[in-house]
Protein backbone atom coordinates (compact mmCIF):
# COMPACT_ATOMS: atom_id res chain seq x y z
CA MET A 1 197.81 -133.35 4.01
CA LYS A 2 198.15 -129.72 5.18
CA ASN A 3 194.35 -129.40 5.30
CA LEU A 4 194.08 -132.54 7.43
CA ILE A 5 196.66 -131.22 9.91
CA LEU A 6 194.87 -127.86 10.07
CA ILE A 7 191.52 -129.56 10.72
CA LEU A 8 193.04 -131.73 13.45
CA MET A 9 194.59 -128.69 15.12
CA ILE A 10 191.25 -126.87 15.08
CA VAL A 11 189.44 -129.89 16.55
CA ILE A 12 192.04 -130.31 19.29
CA LEU A 13 191.92 -126.62 20.18
CA ALA A 14 188.12 -126.49 20.16
CA THR A 15 187.73 -129.57 22.35
CA SER A 16 190.28 -128.32 24.86
CA LEU A 17 188.37 -125.09 25.57
CA PRO A 18 185.54 -125.12 28.13
CA ALA A 19 182.08 -124.93 26.55
CA ARG A 20 181.38 -121.62 28.34
CA ASP A 21 184.35 -120.02 26.56
CA LEU A 22 183.08 -121.21 23.19
CA ALA A 23 179.66 -119.73 23.87
CA GLY A 24 181.20 -116.44 25.00
CA ALA A 25 178.95 -113.54 25.92
CA SER A 26 176.08 -115.01 23.91
CA SER A 27 175.16 -117.28 26.85
CA ILE A 28 173.73 -114.27 28.76
CA TYR A 29 171.12 -112.04 27.17
CA LYS A 30 169.66 -108.77 28.46
CA GLY A 31 166.43 -107.25 27.29
CA THR A 32 162.71 -107.11 27.96
CA ALA A 33 160.48 -109.98 29.05
CA SER A 34 156.73 -110.23 28.63
CA TRP A 35 154.19 -112.86 29.63
CA TYR A 36 151.52 -114.80 27.81
CA SER A 37 148.68 -117.04 28.89
CA GLU A 38 145.96 -119.34 27.61
CA ALA A 39 143.52 -116.43 27.69
CA ASP A 40 145.50 -114.37 25.15
CA PRO A 41 143.99 -114.16 21.66
CA GLY A 42 145.80 -116.29 19.12
CA ILE A 43 147.43 -118.64 21.64
CA LEU A 44 147.34 -122.19 20.32
CA GLU A 45 146.62 -125.31 22.36
CA THR A 46 150.11 -126.57 21.66
CA THR A 47 153.53 -124.96 21.82
CA ALA A 48 156.03 -124.94 18.95
CA ASN A 49 157.53 -128.23 20.18
CA MET A 50 154.01 -129.74 20.22
CA GLU A 51 153.52 -129.82 24.00
CA ARG A 52 150.14 -128.82 25.34
CA PHE A 53 150.37 -125.12 26.31
CA ASP A 54 149.95 -124.65 30.05
CA ASP A 55 150.48 -121.17 31.48
CA SER A 56 150.85 -122.61 35.00
CA MET A 57 154.14 -124.28 34.01
CA LEU A 58 157.57 -122.62 34.27
CA THR A 59 158.24 -122.47 30.55
CA CYS A 60 159.00 -119.78 27.98
CA ALA A 61 159.19 -118.84 24.33
CA MET A 62 162.50 -117.84 22.78
CA TRP A 63 163.64 -117.89 19.16
CA ASP A 64 167.31 -118.73 19.09
CA LEU A 65 167.68 -121.51 21.66
CA PRO A 66 166.93 -125.21 21.28
CA PHE A 67 163.81 -126.64 22.86
CA ASN A 68 164.30 -127.91 26.44
CA THR A 69 167.14 -125.45 27.14
CA VAL A 70 166.93 -124.42 30.80
CA LEU A 71 167.31 -120.72 31.51
CA LYS A 72 167.73 -118.61 34.61
CA VAL A 73 165.71 -115.41 34.15
CA THR A 74 166.45 -112.57 36.58
CA ASN A 75 164.40 -109.41 37.02
CA LEU A 76 167.04 -106.66 36.89
CA GLU A 77 165.00 -104.34 39.11
CA ASN A 78 164.30 -106.59 42.11
CA ARG A 79 166.84 -109.43 41.48
CA LYS A 80 164.14 -112.13 41.74
CA CYS A 81 164.84 -115.10 39.49
CA VAL A 82 163.08 -118.11 38.03
CA PHE A 83 164.27 -121.18 36.12
CA VAL A 84 162.31 -121.91 32.95
CA ARG A 85 162.47 -124.34 30.05
CA VAL A 86 162.21 -123.30 26.39
CA ASN A 87 159.24 -125.05 24.77
CA ASP A 88 157.90 -122.42 22.40
CA ARG A 89 158.99 -119.79 19.88
CA GLY A 90 158.52 -116.09 20.42
CA PRO A 91 158.19 -113.21 21.08
CA ALA A 92 156.78 -111.99 17.78
CA ARG A 93 159.64 -111.00 15.45
CA ARG A 94 158.52 -107.36 15.35
CA LEU A 95 158.79 -107.24 19.15
CA VAL A 96 162.27 -108.80 19.11
CA GLN A 97 163.41 -105.86 17.00
CA GLN A 98 162.20 -103.61 19.84
CA GLY A 99 164.29 -105.44 22.48
CA ARG A 100 161.85 -108.09 23.65
CA ILE A 101 163.90 -111.26 24.11
CA ILE A 102 161.64 -113.72 25.93
CA ASP A 103 157.98 -114.52 26.57
CA LEU A 104 157.34 -116.16 29.93
CA THR A 105 154.28 -118.09 30.95
CA LYS A 106 152.01 -116.37 33.42
CA ALA A 107 153.33 -118.56 36.28
CA ALA A 108 156.97 -117.80 35.46
CA PHE A 109 156.36 -114.05 35.16
CA LEU A 110 154.56 -114.01 38.52
CA ARG A 111 157.74 -115.31 40.17
CA LEU A 112 159.52 -112.16 38.96
CA SER A 113 156.93 -109.38 39.07
CA ASP A 114 153.26 -108.44 39.20
CA LEU A 115 151.33 -109.12 36.00
CA GLU A 116 150.29 -105.47 35.88
CA ASN A 117 153.86 -104.52 35.00
CA GLY A 118 153.48 -106.39 31.71
CA LEU A 119 157.10 -105.85 30.65
CA ILE A 120 160.22 -106.10 32.78
CA ARG A 121 163.97 -105.78 32.17
CA VAL A 122 165.67 -109.15 32.58
CA SER A 123 168.88 -111.03 32.13
CA VAL A 124 168.60 -114.52 30.69
CA GLU A 125 171.35 -117.03 31.39
CA ILE A 126 171.68 -120.43 29.76
CA ILE A 127 172.06 -123.11 32.44
């Protein structure tokens, strides 16, 4: 009986808090963004969620978020931003350990910076 009351209290408390509070600081990430395109070696015809890969779309690759999550990505240097949808997994795990948090399609990256920059510092907010 005590366990049931404890569980009910936890459920009531959890459902009374706004979702943003439950997510906490993990809903905004800061790190490095890169870009990828159809011309890159090793890029498959389909993304991890089995959509056809199209580097002209405003999509991205990220490991820890569900597919179809919409993100606001902001270039921390020039404050330009773009809204993208997660449809792939990446960056490569070894690059994540170096601070790379998101791979943007060529079209999405172009909204934030010149392709020649290759890597940019960004904040990523879950919308």
